[in-house]
Amino acid sequence: MAKGPTGFSLGIVYYREEDGRWLADIPALPGVTAYGRTRRQATAAVQALALRLIADRLEHGEAVPGPMNVSFIAA
């Protein structure tokens, strides 16, 4: 019996800029970083960017980080 994907999590690291903006970064995906006025906006932006990057890699037959059951966790 075949097993489905076990999934993986992408950790999000947050930084607060001096001007109050939030920066969300996914270290497992270099270059996937996004700003937001709030932590929630930064989270949504970085998740969308990560999904776009993963989709692009899949479309071009490139390596992706693990099975494709994606969830995000705050680090």
PDB file of N, CA and C in Angstrom:
ATOM      1  N   MET A   1       0.854  -1.189   0.000  1.00  0.00           N
ATOM      2  CA  MET A   1       0.000   0.000   0.000  1.00  0.00           C
ATOM      3  C   MET A   1       0.889   1.237   0.000  1.00  0.00           C
ATOM      4  N   ALA A   2       0.649   2.137  -0.919  1.00  0.00           N
ATOM      5  CA  ALA A   2       1.465   3.351  -1.024  1.00  0.00           C
ATOM      6  C   ALA A   2       1.042   4.366   0.019  1.00  0.00           C
ATOM      7  N   LYS A   3       2.023   5.001   0.603  1.00  0.00           N
ATOM      8  CA  LYS A   3       1.755   6.059   1.570  1.00  0.00           C
ATOM      9  C   LYS A   3       1.703   7.399   0.857  1.00  0.00           C
ATOM     10  N   GLY A   4       0.893   8.292   1.357  1.00  0.00           N
ATOM     11  CA  GLY A   4       0.836   9.645   0.817  1.00  0.00           C
ATOM     12  C   GLY A   4       2.006  10.452   1.330  1.00  0.00           C
ATOM     13  N   PRO A   5       2.117  11.684   0.904  1.00  0.00           N
ATOM     14  CA  PRO A   5       3.221  12.517   1.364  1.00  0.00           C
ATOM     15  C   PRO A   5       3.164  12.727   2.871  1.00  0.00           C
ATOM     16  N   THR A   6       4.310  12.694   3.494  1.00  0.00           N
ATOM     17  CA  THR A   6       4.361  12.889   4.937  1.00  0.00           C
ATOM     18  C   THR A   6       4.357  14.351   5.301  1.00  0.00           C
ATOM     19  N   GLY A   7       4.667  15.201   4.355  1.00  0.00           N
ATOM     20  CA  GLY A   7       4.631  16.638   4.585  1.00  0.00           C
ATOM     21  C   GLY A   7       5.942  17.167   5.123  1.00  0.00           C
ATOM     22  N   PHE A   8       6.042  18.465   5.138  1.00  0.00           N
ATOM     23  CA  PHE A   8       7.188  19.140   5.714  1.00  0.00           C
ATOM     24  C   PHE A   8       6.753  20.529   6.126  1.00  0.00           C
ATOM     25  N   SER A   9       7.530  21.119   6.981  1.00  0.00           N
ATOM     26  CA  SER A   9       7.229  22.471   7.441  1.00  0.00           C
ATOM     27  C   SER A   9       8.363  23.394   7.072  1.00  0.00           C
ATOM     28  N   LEU A  10       8.024  24.593   6.734  1.00  0.00           N
ATOM     29  CA  LEU A  10       9.005  25.624   6.431  1.00  0.00           C
ATOM     30  C   LEU A  10       8.969  26.640   7.561  1.00  0.00           C
ATOM     31  N   GLY A  11      10.073  26.756   8.265  1.00  0.00           N
ATOM     32  CA  GLY A  11      10.145  27.710   9.370  1.00  0.00           C
ATOM     33  C   GLY A  11      10.219  29.137   8.870  1.00  0.00           C
ATOM     34  N   ILE A  12       9.493  30.016   9.526  1.00  0.00           N
ATOM     35  CA  ILE A  12       9.525  31.441   9.201  1.00  0.00           C
ATOM     36  C   ILE A  12      10.210  32.160  10.357  1.00  0.00           C
ATOM     37  N   VAL A  13      11.225  32.946  10.019  1.00  0.00           N
ATOM     38  CA  VAL A  13      11.934  33.741  11.015  1.00  0.00           C
ATOM     39  C   VAL A  13      11.508  35.192  10.834  1.00  0.00           C
ATOM     40  N   TYR A  14      11.234  35.866  11.945  1.00  0.00           N
ATOM     41  CA  TYR A  14      10.746  37.239  11.898  1.00  0.00           C
ATOM     42  C   TYR A  14      11.770  38.215  12.465  1.00  0.00           C
ATOM     43  N   TYR A  15      11.808  39.394  11.847  1.00  0.00           N
ATOM     44  CA  TYR A  15      12.636  40.489  12.330  1.00  0.00           C
ATOM     45  C   TYR A  15      11.778  41.745  12.332  1.00  0.00           C
ATOM     46  N   ARG A  16      12.023  42.615  13.280  1.00  0.00           N
ATOM     47  CA  ARG A  16      11.301  43.896  13.337  1.00  0.00           C
ATOM     48  C   ARG A  16      12.277  44.998  12.977  1.00  0.00           C
ATOM     49  N   GLU A  17      11.955  45.766  11.972  1.00  0.00           N
ATOM     50  CA  GLU A  17      12.793  46.870  11.528  1.00  0.00           C
ATOM     51  C   GLU A  17      12.605  48.066  12.470  1.00  0.00           C
ATOM     52  N   GLU A  18      13.548  48.981  12.459  1.00  0.00           N
ATOM     53  CA  GLU A  18      13.475  50.164  13.314  1.00  0.00           C
ATOM     54  C   GLU A  18      12.259  51.026  13.004  1.00  0.00           C
ATOM     55  N   ASP A  19      11.811  50.987  11.743  1.00  0.00           N
ATOM     56  CA  ASP A  19      10.646  51.793  11.359  1.00  0.00           C
ATOM     57  C   ASP A  19       9.330  51.094  11.676  1.00  0.00           C
ATOM     58  N   GLY A  20       9.396  49.905  12.315  1.00  0.00           N
ATOM     59  CA  GLY A  20       8.189  49.202  12.735  1.00  0.00           C
ATOM     60  C   GLY A  20       7.721  48.112  11.789  1.00  0.00           C
ATOM     61  N   ARG A  21       8.262  48.093  10.551  1.00  0.00           N
ATOM     62  CA  ARG A  21       7.860  47.043   9.609  1.00  0.00           C
ATOM     63  C   ARG A  21       8.364  45.691  10.078  1.00  0.00           C
ATOM     64  N   TRP A  22       7.661  44.649   9.661  1.00  0.00           N
ATOM     65  CA  TRP A  22       8.064  43.275   9.934  1.00  0.00           C
ATOM     66  C   TRP A  22       8.685  42.659   8.692  1.00  0.00           C
ATOM     67  N   LEU A  23       9.721  41.884   8.905  1.00  0.00           N
ATOM     68  CA  LEU A  23      10.379  41.140   7.851  1.00  0.00           C
ATOM     69  C   LEU A  23      10.217  39.665   8.181  1.00  0.00           C
ATOM     70  N   ALA A  24       9.691  38.900   7.246  1.00  0.00           N
ATOM     71  CA  ALA A  24       9.535  37.456   7.405  1.00  0.00           C
ATOM     72  C   ALA A  24      10.455  36.769   6.409  1.00  0.00           C
ATOM     73  N   ASP A  25      11.200  35.774   6.885  1.00  0.00           N
ATOM     74  CA  ASP A  25      12.185  35.093   6.060  1.00  0.00           C
ATOM     75  C   ASP A  25      12.038  33.588   6.234  1.00  0.00           C
ATOM     76  N   ILE A  26      12.185  32.842   5.127  1.00  0.00           N
ATOM     77  CA  ILE A  26      12.163  31.378   5.181  1.00  0.00           C
ATOM     78  C   ILE A  26      13.571  30.901   4.830  1.00  0.00           C
ATOM     79  N   PRO A  27      14.391  30.598   5.838  1.00  0.00           N
ATOM     80  CA  PRO A  27      15.781  30.217   5.596  1.00  0.00           C
ATOM     81  C   PRO A  27      15.960  29.015   4.668  1.00  0.00           C
ATOM     82  N   ALA A  28      15.024  28.078   4.657  1.00  0.00           N
ATOM     83  CA  ALA A  28      15.136  26.887   3.807  1.00  0.00           C
ATOM     84  C   ALA A  28      14.990  27.218   2.325  1.00  0.00           C
ATOM     85  N   LEU A  29      14.465  28.397   2.025  1.00  0.00           N
ATOM     86  CA  LEU A  29      14.285  28.840   0.642  1.00  0.00           C
ATOM     87  C   LEU A  29      15.000  30.179   0.469  1.00  0.00           C
ATOM     88  N   PRO A  30      16.297  30.142   0.148  1.00  0.00           N
ATOM     89  CA  PRO A  30      17.052  31.389   0.025  1.00  0.00           C
ATOM     90  C   PRO A  30      16.366  32.399  -0.891  1.00  0.00           C
ATOM     91  N   GLY A  31      16.311  33.632  -0.409  1.00  0.00           N
ATOM     92  CA  GLY A  31      15.689  34.697  -1.185  1.00  0.00           C
ATOM     93  C   GLY A  31      14.210  34.881  -0.919  1.00  0.00           C
ATOM     94  N   VAL A  32      13.602  33.976  -0.159  1.00  0.00           N
ATOM     95  CA  VAL A  32      12.171  34.096   0.144  1.00  0.00           C
ATOM     96  C   VAL A  32      12.032  34.913   1.425  1.00  0.00           C
ATOM     97  N   THR A  33      11.893  36.221   1.216  1.00  0.00           N
ATOM     98  CA  THR A  33      11.804  37.199   2.290  1.00  0.00           C
ATOM     99  C   THR A  33      10.748  38.223   1.893  1.00  0.00           C
ATOM    100  N   ALA A  34       9.951  38.664   2.848  1.00  0.00           N
ATOM    101  CA  ALA A  34       8.909  39.638   2.532  1.00  0.00           C
ATOM    102  C   ALA A  34       8.679  40.577   3.714  1.00  0.00           C
ATOM    103  N   TYR A  35       8.298  41.797   3.393  1.00  0.00           N
ATOM    104  CA  TYR A  35       7.967  42.800   4.404  1.00  0.00           C
ATOM    105  C   TYR A  35       6.462  42.924   4.553  1.00  0.00           C
ATOM    106  N   GLY A  36       6.043  43.437   5.723  1.00  0.00           N
ATOM    107  CA  GLY A  36       4.653  43.785   5.957  1.00  0.00           C
ATOM    108  C   GLY A  36       4.566  44.837   7.043  1.00  0.00           C
ATOM    109  N   ARG A  37       3.490  45.611   7.021  1.00  0.00           N
ATOM    110  CA  ARG A  37       3.287  46.598   8.097  1.00  0.00           C
ATOM    111  C   ARG A  37       3.080  45.904   9.424  1.00  0.00           C
ATOM    112  N   THR A  38       2.466  44.703   9.366  1.00  0.00           N
ATOM    113  CA  THR A  38       2.243  43.915  10.567  1.00  0.00           C
ATOM    114  C   THR A  38       2.890  42.541  10.375  1.00  0.00           C
ATOM    115  N   ARG A  39       3.056  41.827  11.468  1.00  0.00           N
ATOM    116  CA  ARG A  39       3.614  40.475  11.384  1.00  0.00           C
ATOM    117  C   ARG A  39       2.709  39.582  10.533  1.00  0.00           C
ATOM    118  N   ARG A  40       1.417  39.774  10.666  1.00  0.00           N
ATOM    119  CA  ARG A  40       0.459  38.978   9.897  1.00  0.00           C
ATOM    120  C   ARG A  40       0.601  39.237   8.393  1.00  0.00           C
ATOM    121  N   GLN A  41       0.758  40.500   8.003  1.00  0.00           N
ATOM    122  CA  GLN A  41       0.939  40.829   6.585  1.00  0.00           C
ATOM    123  C   GLN A  41       2.250  40.259   6.051  1.00  0.00           C
ATOM    124  N   ALA A  42       3.303  40.331   6.847  1.00  0.00           N
ATOM    125  CA  ALA A  42       4.589  39.768   6.425  1.00  0.00           C
ATOM    126  C   ALA A  42       4.480  38.251   6.267  1.00  0.00           C
ATOM    127  N   THR A  43       3.742  37.607   7.173  1.00  0.00           N
ATOM    128  CA  THR A  43       3.548  36.154   7.090  1.00  0.00           C
ATOM    129  C   THR A  43       2.818  35.789   5.808  1.00  0.00           C
ATOM    130  N   ALA A  44       1.734  36.473   5.519  1.00  0.00           N
ATOM    131  CA  ALA A  44       0.958  36.178   4.304  1.00  0.00           C
ATOM    132  C   ALA A  44       1.806  36.387   3.057  1.00  0.00           C
ATOM    133  N   ALA A  45       2.589  37.467   3.035  1.00  0.00           N
ATOM    134  CA  ALA A  45       3.408  37.762   1.866  1.00  0.00           C
ATOM    135  C   ALA A  45       4.499  36.714   1.661  1.00  0.00           C
ATOM    136  N   VAL A  46       5.157  36.288   2.737  1.00  0.00           N
ATOM    137  CA  VAL A  46       6.243  35.319   2.594  1.00  0.00           C
ATOM    138  C   VAL A  46       5.688  33.936   2.251  1.00  0.00           C
ATOM    139  N   GLN A  47       4.527  33.583   2.770  1.00  0.00           N
ATOM    140  CA  GLN A  47       3.912  32.302   2.407  1.00  0.00           C
ATOM    141  C   GLN A  47       3.560  32.284   0.923  1.00  0.00           C
ATOM    142  N   ALA A  48       2.979  33.365   0.423  1.00  0.00           N
ATOM    143  CA  ALA A  48       2.618  33.443  -0.998  1.00  0.00           C
ATOM    144  C   ALA A  48       3.865  33.346  -1.870  1.00  0.00           C
ATOM    145  N   LEU A  49       4.918  34.042  -1.473  1.00  0.00           N
ATOM    146  CA  LEU A  49       6.166  34.003  -2.237  1.00  0.00           C
ATOM    147  C   LEU A  49       6.763  32.594  -2.238  1.00  0.00           C
ATOM    148  N   ALA A  50       6.735  31.917  -1.091  1.00  0.00           N
ATOM    149  CA  ALA A  50       7.261  30.550  -1.001  1.00  0.00           C
ATOM    150  C   ALA A  50       6.482  29.606  -1.909  1.00  0.00           C
ATOM    151  N   LEU A  51       5.181  29.722  -1.914  1.00  0.00           N
ATOM    152  CA  LEU A  51       4.363  28.854  -2.760  1.00  0.00           C
ATOM    153  C   LEU A  51       4.615  29.114  -4.238  1.00  0.00           C
ATOM    154  N   ARG A  52       4.812  30.391  -4.605  1.00  0.00           N
ATOM    155  CA  ARG A  52       5.145  30.717  -6.001  1.00  0.00           C
ATOM    156  C   ARG A  52       6.485  30.107  -6.404  1.00  0.00           C
ATOM    157  N   LEU A  53       7.463  30.190  -5.510  1.00  0.00           N
ATOM    158  CA  LEU A  53       8.781  29.631  -5.795  1.00  0.00           C
ATOM    159  C   LEU A  53       8.703  28.116  -5.951  1.00  0.00           C
ATOM    160  N   ILE A  54       7.996  27.452  -5.049  1.00  0.00           N
ATOM    161  CA  ILE A  54       7.856  25.998  -5.118  1.00  0.00           C
ATOM    162  C   ILE A  54       7.136  25.596  -6.399  1.00  0.00           C
ATOM    163  N   ALA A  55       6.068  26.315  -6.757  1.00  0.00           N
ATOM    164  CA  ALA A  55       5.330  26.015  -7.989  1.00  0.00           C
ATOM    165  C   ALA A  55       6.233  26.193  -9.213  1.00  0.00           C
ATOM    166  N   ASP A  56       7.020  27.255  -9.214  1.00  0.00           N
ATOM    167  CA  ASP A  56       7.925  27.497 -10.333  1.00  0.00           C
ATOM    168  C   ASP A  56       8.951  26.372 -10.453  1.00  0.00           C
ATOM    169  N   ARG A  57       9.493  25.941  -9.328  1.00  0.00           N
ATOM    170  CA  ARG A  57      10.460  24.838  -9.353  1.00  0.00           C
ATOM    171  C   ARG A  57       9.819  23.551  -9.872  1.00  0.00           C
ATOM    172  N   LEU A  58       8.601  23.278  -9.439  1.00  0.00           N
ATOM    173  CA  LEU A  58       7.908  22.076  -9.905  1.00  0.00           C
ATOM    174  C   LEU A  58       7.675  22.145 -11.415  1.00  0.00           C
ATOM    175  N   GLU A  59       7.244  23.308 -11.906  1.00  0.00           N
ATOM    176  CA  GLU A  59       6.977  23.474 -13.333  1.00  0.00           C
ATOM    177  C   GLU A  59       8.224  23.280 -14.182  1.00  0.00           C
ATOM    178  N   HIS A  60       9.388  23.596 -13.627  1.00  0.00           N
ATOM    179  CA  HIS A  60      10.637  23.498 -14.371  1.00  0.00           C
ATOM    180  C   HIS A  60      11.446  22.256 -14.013  1.00  0.00           C
ATOM    181  N   GLY A  61      10.834  21.322 -13.263  1.00  0.00           N
ATOM    182  CA  GLY A  61      11.504  20.076 -12.926  1.00  0.00           C
ATOM    183  C   GLY A  61      12.675  20.233 -11.982  1.00  0.00           C
ATOM    184  N   GLU A  62      12.702  21.293 -11.206  1.00  0.00           N
ATOM    185  CA  GLU A  62      13.785  21.536 -10.259  1.00  0.00           C
ATOM    186  C   GLU A  62      13.454  20.926  -8.901  1.00  0.00           C
ATOM    187  N   ALA A  63      14.479  20.792  -8.083  1.00  0.00           N
ATOM    188  CA  ALA A  63      14.321  20.204  -6.747  1.00  0.00           C
ATOM    189  C   ALA A  63      13.475  21.114  -5.856  1.00  0.00           C
ATOM    190  N   VAL A  64      12.651  20.487  -5.055  1.00  0.00           N
ATOM    191  CA  VAL A  64      11.863  21.193  -4.044  1.00  0.00           C
ATOM    192  C   VAL A  64      12.168  20.558  -2.693  1.00  0.00           C
ATOM    193  N   PRO A  65      11.981  21.300  -1.594  1.00  0.00           N
ATOM    194  CA  PRO A  65      12.341  20.792  -0.270  1.00  0.00           C
ATOM    195  C   PRO A  65      11.339  19.791   0.304  1.00  0.00           C
ATOM    196  N   GLY A  66      11.440  18.534  -0.071  1.00  0.00           N
ATOM    197  CA  GLY A  66      10.603  17.493   0.529  1.00  0.00           C
ATOM    198  C   GLY A  66       9.294  17.267  -0.186  1.00  0.00           C
ATOM    199  N   PRO A  67       8.441  16.375   0.368  1.00  0.00           N
ATOM    200  CA  PRO A  67       7.130  16.101  -0.218  1.00  0.00           C
ATOM    201  C   PRO A  67       6.250  17.355  -0.214  1.00  0.00           C
ATOM    202  N   MET A  68       5.239  17.380  -1.038  1.00  0.00           N
ATOM    203  CA  MET A  68       4.469  18.588  -1.248  1.00  0.00           C
ATOM    204  C   MET A  68       3.210  18.738  -0.412  1.00  0.00           C
ATOM    205  N   ASN A  69       3.299  18.465   0.848  1.00  0.00           N
ATOM    206  CA  ASN A  69       2.216  18.763   1.779  1.00  0.00           C
ATOM    207  C   ASN A  69       2.739  19.889   2.662  1.00  0.00           C
ATOM    208  N   VAL A  70       2.534  21.142   2.256  1.00  0.00           N
ATOM    209  CA  VAL A  70       3.213  22.286   2.857  1.00  0.00           C
ATOM    210  C   VAL A  70       2.424  22.863   4.018  1.00  0.00           C
ATOM    211  N   SER A  71       3.112  23.130   5.110  1.00  0.00           N
ATOM    212  CA  SER A  71       2.562  23.927   6.210  1.00  0.00           C
ATOM    213  C   SER A  71       3.659  24.882   6.655  1.00  0.00           C
ATOM    214  N   PHE A  72       3.273  25.963   7.275  1.00  0.00           N
ATOM    215  CA  PHE A  72       4.242  26.964   7.715  1.00  0.00           C
ATOM    216  C   PHE A  72       4.216  27.036   9.222  1.00  0.00           C
ATOM    217  N   ILE A  73       5.401  27.213   9.828  1.00  0.00           N
ATOM    218  CA  ILE A  73       5.484  27.350  11.278  1.00  0.00           C
ATOM    219  C   ILE A  73       6.307  28.579  11.620  1.00  0.00           C
ATOM    220  N   ALA A  74       5.915  29.276  12.642  1.00  0.00           N
ATOM    221  CA  ALA A  74       6.690  30.435  13.097  1.00  0.00           C
ATOM    222  C   ALA A  74       7.838  29.942  13.939  1.00  0.00           C
ATOM    223  N   ALA A  75       9.025  30.441  13.657  1.00  0.00           N
ATOM    224  CA  ALA A  75      10.216  30.019  14.400  1.00  0.00           C
ATOM    225  C   ALA A  75      10.510  30.989  15.509  1.00  0.00           C
TER     226      ALA A  75
END
